[in-house]
């Protein structure tokens, strides 16, 4: 029940506050990397061993993040280094 309450009520409020604090561009870059962070969590906490398709998915996400930040005319490392 607590998981459902958090997912339905608390998470959207925290995301809205993060967008207000970071701005939509920075929040978009950070939130698009969220599936990548589930990989070590699944491996360490759940014992799930990722297959080749997971590696392909991570690669696609990383390429999309790099392409997005390049489209914004900001090199990725410099852009992410300015996140506070």
PDB file of N, CA and C in Angstrom:
ATOM      1  N   UNK A   1       0.816  -1.179   0.000  1.00  0.00           N
ATOM      2  CA  UNK A   1       0.000   0.000   0.000  1.00  0.00           C
ATOM      3  C   UNK A   1       0.873   1.262   0.000  1.00  0.00           C
ATOM      4  N   UNK A   2       1.953   1.223   0.760  1.00  0.00           N
ATOM      5  CA  UNK A   2       2.842   2.380   0.800  1.00  0.00           C
ATOM      6  C   UNK A   2       3.504   2.617  -0.554  1.00  0.00           C
ATOM      7  N   UNK A   3       3.821   1.534  -1.251  1.00  0.00           N
ATOM      8  CA  UNK A   3       4.420   1.689  -2.578  1.00  0.00           C
ATOM      9  C   UNK A   3       3.450   2.373  -3.525  1.00  0.00           C
ATOM     10  N   UNK A   4       2.207   1.962  -3.493  1.00  0.00           N
ATOM     11  CA  UNK A   4       1.192   2.587  -4.339  1.00  0.00           C
ATOM     12  C   UNK A   4       0.973   4.044  -3.987  1.00  0.00           C
ATOM     13  N   UNK A   5       0.967   4.346  -2.717  1.00  0.00           N
ATOM     14  CA  UNK A   5       0.795   5.729  -2.274  1.00  0.00           C
ATOM     15  C   UNK A   5       1.966   6.593  -2.723  1.00  0.00           C
ATOM     16  N   UNK A   6       3.174   6.072  -2.576  1.00  0.00           N
ATOM     17  CA  UNK A   6       4.349   6.829  -2.996  1.00  0.00           C
ATOM     18  C   UNK A   6       4.334   7.053  -4.499  1.00  0.00           C
ATOM     19  N   UNK A   7       4.038   6.002  -5.259  1.00  0.00           N
ATOM     20  CA  UNK A   7       4.047   6.107  -6.720  1.00  0.00           C
ATOM     21  C   UNK A   7       2.986   7.071  -7.223  1.00  0.00           C
ATOM     22  N   UNK A   8       1.820   7.046  -6.614  1.00  0.00           N
ATOM     23  CA  UNK A   8       0.714   7.865  -7.108  1.00  0.00           C
ATOM     24  C   UNK A   8       0.740   9.300  -6.591  1.00  0.00           C
ATOM     25  N   UNK A   9       1.255   9.512  -5.404  1.00  0.00           N
ATOM     26  CA  UNK A   9       1.141  10.845  -4.788  1.00  0.00           C
ATOM     27  C   UNK A   9       2.471  11.568  -4.593  1.00  0.00           C
ATOM     28  N   UNK A  10       3.426  10.896  -4.018  1.00  0.00           N
ATOM     29  CA  UNK A  10       4.659  11.571  -3.627  1.00  0.00           C
ATOM     30  C   UNK A  10       5.598  11.774  -4.814  1.00  0.00           C
ATOM     31  N   UNK A  11       5.779  10.754  -5.640  1.00  0.00           N
ATOM     32  CA  UNK A  11       6.725  10.847  -6.759  1.00  0.00           C
ATOM     33  C   UNK A  11       6.397  11.982  -7.729  1.00  0.00           C
ATOM     34  N   UNK A  12       5.139  12.158  -8.153  1.00  0.00           N
ATOM     35  CA  UNK A  12       4.860  13.283  -9.058  1.00  0.00           C
ATOM     36  C   UNK A  12       5.131  14.653  -8.434  1.00  0.00           C
ATOM     37  N   UNK A  13       4.889  14.779  -7.142  1.00  0.00           N
ATOM     38  CA  UNK A  13       5.165  16.052  -6.471  1.00  0.00           C
ATOM     39  C   UNK A  13       6.669  16.319  -6.445  1.00  0.00           C
ATOM     40  N   UNK A  14       7.458  15.288  -6.145  1.00  0.00           N
ATOM     41  CA  UNK A  14       8.910  15.454  -6.131  1.00  0.00           C
ATOM     42  C   UNK A  14       9.453  15.763  -7.521  1.00  0.00           C
ATOM     43  N   UNK A  15       8.892  15.122  -8.546  1.00  0.00           N
ATOM     44  CA  UNK A  15       9.324  15.408  -9.916  1.00  0.00           C
ATOM     45  C   UNK A  15       8.996  16.842 -10.308  1.00  0.00           C
ATOM     46  N   UNK A  16       7.826  17.318  -9.948  1.00  0.00           N
ATOM     47  CA  UNK A  16       7.450  18.698 -10.273  1.00  0.00           C
ATOM     48  C   UNK A  16       8.375  19.692  -9.577  1.00  0.00           C
ATOM     49  N   UNK A  17       8.729  19.404  -8.341  1.00  0.00           N
ATOM     50  CA  UNK A  17       9.663  20.285  -7.626  1.00  0.00           C
ATOM     51  C   UNK A  17      11.046  20.252  -8.265  1.00  0.00           C
ATOM     52  N   UNK A  18      11.459  19.066  -8.717  1.00  0.00           N
ATOM     53  CA  UNK A  18      12.770  18.950  -9.367  1.00  0.00           C
ATOM     54  C   UNK A  18      12.801  19.731 -10.675  1.00  0.00           C
ATOM     55  N   UNK A  19      11.720  19.670 -11.445  1.00  0.00           N
ATOM     56  CA  UNK A  19      11.650  20.438 -12.692  1.00  0.00           C
ATOM     57  C   UNK A  19      11.744  21.926 -12.383  1.00  0.00           C
ATOM     58  N   UNK A  20      11.053  22.366 -11.343  1.00  0.00           N
ATOM     59  CA  UNK A  20      11.112  23.774 -10.965  1.00  0.00           C
ATOM     60  C   UNK A  20      12.498  24.198 -10.508  1.00  0.00           C
ATOM     61  N   UNK A  21      13.199  23.294  -9.846  1.00  0.00           N
ATOM     62  CA  UNK A  21      14.531  23.621  -9.322  1.00  0.00           C
ATOM     63  C   UNK A  21      15.613  23.528 -10.399  1.00  0.00           C
ATOM     64  N   UNK A  22      15.586  22.454 -11.199  1.00  0.00           N
ATOM     65  CA  UNK A  22      16.641  22.220 -12.185  1.00  0.00           C
ATOM     66  C   UNK A  22      16.374  22.867 -13.534  1.00  0.00           C
ATOM     67  N   UNK A  23      15.115  23.006 -13.876  1.00  0.00           N
ATOM     68  CA  UNK A  23      14.762  23.433 -15.228  1.00  0.00           C
ATOM     69  C   UNK A  23      14.462  22.203 -16.072  1.00  0.00           C
ATOM     70  N   UNK A  24      13.694  22.406 -17.123  1.00  0.00           N
ATOM     71  CA  UNK A  24      13.219  21.257 -17.894  1.00  0.00           C
ATOM     72  C   UNK A  24      14.321  20.557 -18.674  1.00  0.00           C
ATOM     73  N   UNK A  25      15.331  21.294 -19.152  1.00  0.00           N
ATOM     74  CA  UNK A  25      16.398  20.656 -19.921  1.00  0.00           C
ATOM     75  C   UNK A  25      17.239  19.731 -19.044  1.00  0.00           C
ATOM     76  N   UNK A  26      17.686  20.223 -17.904  1.00  0.00           N
ATOM     77  CA  UNK A  26      18.509  19.408 -17.014  1.00  0.00           C
ATOM     78  C   UNK A  26      17.717  18.230 -16.458  1.00  0.00           C
ATOM     79  N   UNK A  27      16.463  18.471 -16.110  1.00  0.00           N
ATOM     80  CA  UNK A  27      15.636  17.389 -15.595  1.00  0.00           C
ATOM     81  C   UNK A  27      15.431  16.314 -16.655  1.00  0.00           C
ATOM     82  N   UNK A  28      15.241  16.728 -17.898  1.00  0.00           N
ATOM     83  CA  UNK A  28      15.066  15.759 -18.979  1.00  0.00           C
ATOM     84  C   UNK A  28      16.280  14.877 -19.164  1.00  0.00           C
ATOM     85  N   UNK A  29      17.460  15.476 -19.099  1.00  0.00           N
ATOM     86  CA  UNK A  29      18.693  14.693 -19.238  1.00  0.00           C
ATOM     87  C   UNK A  29      18.840  13.722 -18.073  1.00  0.00           C
ATOM     88  N   UNK A  30      18.604  14.192 -16.864  1.00  0.00           N
ATOM     89  CA  UNK A  30      18.733  13.319 -15.702  1.00  0.00           C
ATOM     90  C   UNK A  30      17.686  12.211 -15.688  1.00  0.00           C
ATOM     91  N   UNK A  31      16.458  12.525 -16.018  1.00  0.00           N
ATOM     92  CA  UNK A  31      15.412  11.505 -15.962  1.00  0.00           C
ATOM     93  C   UNK A  31      15.543  10.485 -17.084  1.00  0.00           C
ATOM     94  N   UNK A  32      16.162  10.859 -18.198  1.00  0.00           N
ATOM     95  CA  UNK A  32      16.337   9.877 -19.268  1.00  0.00           C
ATOM     96  C   UNK A  32      17.382   8.835 -18.896  1.00  0.00           C
ATOM     97  N   UNK A  33      18.231   9.130 -17.951  1.00  0.00           N
ATOM     98  CA  UNK A  33      19.200   8.151 -17.479  1.00  0.00           C
ATOM     99  C   UNK A  33      18.672   7.240 -16.389  1.00  0.00           C
ATOM    100  N   UNK A  34      17.443   7.421 -16.003  1.00  0.00           N
ATOM    101  CA  UNK A  34      16.846   6.622 -14.931  1.00  0.00           C
ATOM    102  C   UNK A  34      16.858   5.117 -15.217  1.00  0.00           C
ATOM    103  N   UNK A  35      16.524   4.661 -16.439  1.00  0.00           N
ATOM    104  CA  UNK A  35      16.584   3.211 -16.694  1.00  0.00           C
ATOM    105  C   UNK A  35      17.989   2.633 -16.553  1.00  0.00           C
ATOM    106  N   UNK A  36      19.001   3.449 -16.805  1.00  0.00           N
ATOM    107  CA  UNK A  36      20.372   2.962 -16.655  1.00  0.00           C
ATOM    108  C   UNK A  36      20.663   2.669 -15.187  1.00  0.00           C
ATOM    109  N   UNK A  37      20.123   3.465 -14.290  1.00  0.00           N
ATOM    110  CA  UNK A  37      20.361   3.263 -12.861  1.00  0.00           C
ATOM    111  C   UNK A  37      19.649   2.026 -12.322  1.00  0.00           C
ATOM    112  N   UNK A  38      18.634   1.551 -13.024  1.00  0.00           N
ATOM    113  CA  UNK A  38      17.956   0.338 -12.567  1.00  0.00           C
ATOM    114  C   UNK A  38      18.814  -0.903 -12.792  1.00  0.00           C
ATOM    115  N   UNK A  39      19.788  -0.815 -13.685  1.00  0.00           N
ATOM    116  CA  UNK A  39      20.664  -1.954 -13.963  1.00  0.00           C
ATOM    117  C   UNK A  39      21.484  -2.368 -12.736  1.00  0.00           C
ATOM    118  N   UNK A  40      22.253  -1.473 -12.106  1.00  0.00           N
ATOM    119  CA  UNK A  40      22.991  -1.917 -10.914  1.00  0.00           C
ATOM    120  C   UNK A  40      22.085  -2.266  -9.737  1.00  0.00           C
ATOM    121  N   UNK A  41      20.951  -1.603  -9.631  1.00  0.00           N
ATOM    122  CA  UNK A  41      20.026  -1.930  -8.543  1.00  0.00           C
ATOM    123  C   UNK A  41      19.499  -3.349  -8.712  1.00  0.00           C
ATOM    124  N   UNK A  42      19.096  -3.690  -9.934  1.00  0.00           N
ATOM    125  CA  UNK A  42      18.620  -5.046 -10.195  1.00  0.00           C
ATOM    126  C   UNK A  42      19.701  -6.088  -9.987  1.00  0.00           C
ATOM    127  N   UNK A  43      20.912  -5.747 -10.369  1.00  0.00           N
ATOM    128  CA  UNK A  43      22.026  -6.682 -10.220  1.00  0.00           C
ATOM    129  C   UNK A  43      22.389  -6.881  -8.749  1.00  0.00           C
ATOM    130  N   UNK A  44      22.520  -5.787  -8.006  1.00  0.00           N
ATOM    131  CA  UNK A  44      22.971  -5.884  -6.618  1.00  0.00           C
ATOM    132  C   UNK A  44      21.881  -6.331  -5.652  1.00  0.00           C
ATOM    133  N   UNK A  45      20.682  -5.802  -5.817  1.00  0.00           N
ATOM    134  CA  UNK A  45      19.629  -6.096  -4.843  1.00  0.00           C
ATOM    135  C   UNK A  45      18.790  -7.314  -5.198  1.00  0.00           C
ATOM    136  N   UNK A  46      18.580  -7.535  -6.493  1.00  0.00           N
ATOM    137  CA  UNK A  46      17.698  -8.616  -6.907  1.00  0.00           C
ATOM    138  C   UNK A  46      18.432  -9.809  -7.506  1.00  0.00           C
ATOM    139  N   UNK A  47      19.716  -9.644  -7.767  1.00  0.00           N
ATOM    140  CA  UNK A  47      20.489 -10.740  -8.343  1.00  0.00           C
ATOM    141  C   UNK A  47      20.178 -11.016  -9.801  1.00  0.00           C
ATOM    142  N   UNK A  48      19.614 -10.051 -10.500  1.00  0.00           N
ATOM    143  CA  UNK A  48      19.288 -10.228 -11.916  1.00  0.00           C
ATOM    144  C   UNK A  48      20.546 -10.017 -12.755  1.00  0.00           C
ATOM    145  N   UNK A  49      20.820 -10.968 -13.627  1.00  0.00           N
ATOM    146  CA  UNK A  49      21.967 -10.844 -14.520  1.00  0.00           C
ATOM    147  C   UNK A  49      21.453 -10.327 -15.859  1.00  0.00           C
ATOM    148  N   UNK A  50      21.920  -9.160 -16.282  1.00  0.00           N
ATOM    149  CA  UNK A  50      21.415  -8.581 -17.530  1.00  0.00           C
ATOM    150  C   UNK A  50      21.933  -9.338 -18.749  1.00  0.00           C
ATOM    151  N   UNK A  51      21.103  -9.387 -19.772  1.00  0.00           N
ATOM    152  CA  UNK A  51      21.483 -10.018 -21.033  1.00  0.00           C
ATOM    153  C   UNK A  51      22.009  -8.994 -22.022  1.00  0.00           C
ATOM    154  N   UNK A  52      22.237  -9.454 -23.235  1.00  0.00           N
ATOM    155  CA  UNK A  52      22.778  -8.566 -24.271  1.00  0.00           C
ATOM    156  C   UNK A  52      21.793  -7.469 -24.630  1.00  0.00           C
ATOM    157  N   UNK A  53      20.503  -7.768 -24.550  1.00  0.00           N
ATOM    158  CA  UNK A  53      19.488  -6.770 -24.902  1.00  0.00           C
ATOM    159  C   UNK A  53      19.476  -5.605 -23.913  1.00  0.00           C
ATOM    160  N   UNK A  54      19.833  -5.869 -22.676  1.00  0.00           N
ATOM    161  CA  UNK A  54      19.921  -4.789 -21.689  1.00  0.00           C
ATOM    162  C   UNK A  54      21.098  -3.880 -22.024  1.00  0.00           C
ATOM    163  N   UNK A  55      22.218  -4.486 -22.394  1.00  0.00           N
ATOM    164  CA  UNK A  55      23.381  -3.688 -22.796  1.00  0.00           C
ATOM    165  C   UNK A  55      23.055  -2.850 -24.026  1.00  0.00           C
ATOM    166  N   UNK A  56      22.308  -3.421 -24.959  1.00  0.00           N
ATOM    167  CA  UNK A  56      21.902  -2.663 -26.148  1.00  0.00           C
ATOM    168  C   UNK A  56      20.986  -1.507 -25.760  1.00  0.00           C
ATOM    169  N   UNK A  57      20.081  -1.738 -24.828  1.00  0.00           N
ATOM    170  CA  UNK A  57      19.188  -0.676 -24.369  1.00  0.00           C
ATOM    171  C   UNK A  57      19.935   0.446 -23.680  1.00  0.00           C
ATOM    172  N   UNK A  58      20.908   0.090 -22.855  1.00  0.00           N
ATOM    173  CA  UNK A  58      21.728   1.106 -22.182  1.00  0.00           C
ATOM    174  C   UNK A  58      22.495   1.918 -23.216  1.00  0.00           C
ATOM    175  N   UNK A  59      23.044   1.249 -24.218  1.00  0.00           N
ATOM    176  CA  UNK A  59      23.779   1.949 -25.271  1.00  0.00           C
ATOM    177  C   UNK A  59      22.875   2.920 -26.027  1.00  0.00           C
ATOM    178  N   UNK A  60      21.660   2.496 -26.329  1.00  0.00           N
ATOM    179  CA  UNK A  60      20.708   3.366 -27.028  1.00  0.00           C
ATOM    180  C   UNK A  60      20.390   4.599 -26.179  1.00  0.00           C
ATOM    181  N   UNK A  61      20.183   4.398 -24.889  1.00  0.00           N
ATOM    182  CA  UNK A  61      19.867   5.521 -24.002  1.00  0.00           C
ATOM    183  C   UNK A  61      21.041   6.490 -23.913  1.00  0.00           C
ATOM    184  N   UNK A  62      22.252   5.965 -23.787  1.00  0.00           N
ATOM    185  CA  UNK A  62      23.435   6.829 -23.702  1.00  0.00           C
ATOM    186  C   UNK A  62      23.607   7.629 -24.987  1.00  0.00           C
ATOM    187  N   UNK A  63      23.424   6.975 -26.132  1.00  0.00           N
ATOM    188  CA  UNK A  63      23.530   7.685 -27.413  1.00  0.00           C
ATOM    189  C   UNK A  63      22.470   8.774 -27.505  1.00  0.00           C
ATOM    190  N   UNK A  64      21.260   8.485 -27.045  1.00  0.00           N
ATOM    191  CA  UNK A  64      20.189   9.484 -27.082  1.00  0.00           C
ATOM    192  C   UNK A  64      20.508  10.675 -26.180  1.00  0.00           C
ATOM    193  N   UNK A  65      21.069  10.418 -25.007  1.00  0.00           N
ATOM    194  CA  UNK A  65      21.436  11.511 -24.102  1.00  0.00           C
ATOM    195  C   UNK A  65      22.518  12.375 -24.729  1.00  0.00           C
ATOM    196  N   UNK A  66      23.535  11.734 -25.304  1.00  0.00           N
ATOM    197  CA  UNK A  66      24.623  12.485 -25.939  1.00  0.00           C
ATOM    198  C   UNK A  66      24.095  13.290 -27.116  1.00  0.00           C
ATOM    199  N   UNK A  67      23.241  12.671 -27.931  1.00  0.00           N
ATOM    200  CA  UNK A  67      22.680  13.381 -29.087  1.00  0.00           C
ATOM    201  C   UNK A  67      21.818  14.554 -28.643  1.00  0.00           C
ATOM    202  N   UNK A  68      21.064  14.368 -27.578  1.00  0.00           N
ATOM    203  CA  UNK A  68      20.202  15.436 -27.083  1.00  0.00           C
ATOM    204  C   UNK A  68      21.022  16.612 -26.588  1.00  0.00           C
ATOM    205  N   UNK A  69      22.053  16.343 -25.817  1.00  0.00           N
ATOM    206  CA  UNK A  69      22.856  17.443 -25.298  1.00  0.00           C
ATOM    207  C   UNK A  69      23.683  18.089 -26.397  1.00  0.00           C
ATOM    208  N   UNK A  70      24.098  17.316 -27.399  1.00  0.00           N
ATOM    209  CA  UNK A  70      24.823  17.900 -28.533  1.00  0.00           C
ATOM    210  C   UNK A  70      23.899  18.804 -29.336  1.00  0.00           C
ATOM    211  N   UNK A  71      22.633  18.406 -29.442  1.00  0.00           N
ATOM    212  CA  UNK A  71      21.644  19.216 -30.157  1.00  0.00           C
ATOM    213  C   UNK A  71      21.418  20.541 -29.440  1.00  0.00           C
ATOM    214  N   UNK A  72      21.597  20.536 -28.134  1.00  0.00           N
ATOM    215  CA  UNK A  72      21.457  21.763 -27.353  1.00  0.00           C
ATOM    216  C   UNK A  72      22.714  22.623 -27.444  1.00  0.00           C
ATOM    217  N   UNK A  73      23.675  22.187 -28.262  1.00  0.00           N
ATOM    218  CA  UNK A  73      24.938  22.901 -28.466  1.00  0.00           C
ATOM    219  C   UNK A  73      25.732  23.005 -27.169  1.00  0.00           C
ATOM    220  N   UNK A  74      25.718  21.915 -26.412  1.00  0.00           N
ATOM    221  CA  UNK A  74      26.497  21.847 -25.179  1.00  0.00           C
ATOM    222  C   UNK A  74      27.173  20.484 -25.120  1.00  0.00           C
ATOM    223  N   UNK A  75      28.486  20.428 -25.032  1.00  0.00           N
ATOM    224  CA  UNK A  75      29.150  19.139 -24.857  1.00  0.00           C
ATOM    225  C   UNK A  75      28.659  18.465 -23.577  1.00  0.00           C
ATOM    226  N   UNK A  76      28.510  17.171 -23.633  1.00  0.00           N
ATOM    227  CA  UNK A  76      27.890  16.426 -22.540  1.00  0.00           C
ATOM    228  C   UNK A  76      28.614  16.623 -21.209  1.00  0.00           C
ATOM    229  N   UNK A  77      29.911  16.453 -21.177  1.00  0.00           N
ATOM    230  CA  UNK A  77      30.614  16.540 -19.895  1.00  0.00           C
ATOM    231  C   UNK A  77      30.542  17.935 -19.297  1.00  0.00           C
ATOM    232  N   UNK A  78      30.686  18.949 -20.129  1.00  0.00           N
ATOM    233  CA  UNK A  78      30.596  20.315 -19.617  1.00  0.00           C
ATOM    234  C   UNK A  78      29.182  20.586 -19.113  1.00  0.00           C
ATOM    235  N   UNK A  79      28.178  20.097 -19.857  1.00  0.00           N
ATOM    236  CA  UNK A  79      26.788  20.316 -19.479  1.00  0.00           C
ATOM    237  C   UNK A  79      26.470  19.620 -18.157  1.00  0.00           C
ATOM    238  N   UNK A  80      26.855  18.352 -18.038  1.00  0.00           N
ATOM    239  CA  UNK A  80      26.564  17.623 -16.811  1.00  0.00           C
ATOM    240  C   UNK A  80      27.404  18.141 -15.650  1.00  0.00           C
ATOM    241  N   UNK A  81      28.568  18.683 -15.929  1.00  0.00           N
ATOM    242  CA  UNK A  81      29.404  19.247 -14.879  1.00  0.00           C
ATOM    243  C   UNK A  81      28.800  20.489 -14.255  1.00  0.00           C
ATOM    244  N   UNK A  82      27.926  21.157 -14.984  1.00  0.00           N
ATOM    245  CA  UNK A  82      27.292  22.366 -14.460  1.00  0.00           C
ATOM    246  C   UNK A  82      26.040  22.071 -13.664  1.00  0.00           C
ATOM    247  N   UNK A  83      25.608  20.806 -13.637  1.00  0.00           N
ATOM    248  CA  UNK A  83      24.430  20.469 -12.836  1.00  0.00           C
ATOM    249  C   UNK A  83      24.780  20.628 -11.362  1.00  0.00           C
ATOM    250  N   UNK A  84      23.938  21.265 -10.650  1.00  0.00           N
ATOM    251  CA  UNK A  84      24.221  21.503  -9.224  1.00  0.00           C
ATOM    252  C   UNK A  84      23.125  20.945  -8.373  1.00  0.00           C
TER     253      UNK A  84
END
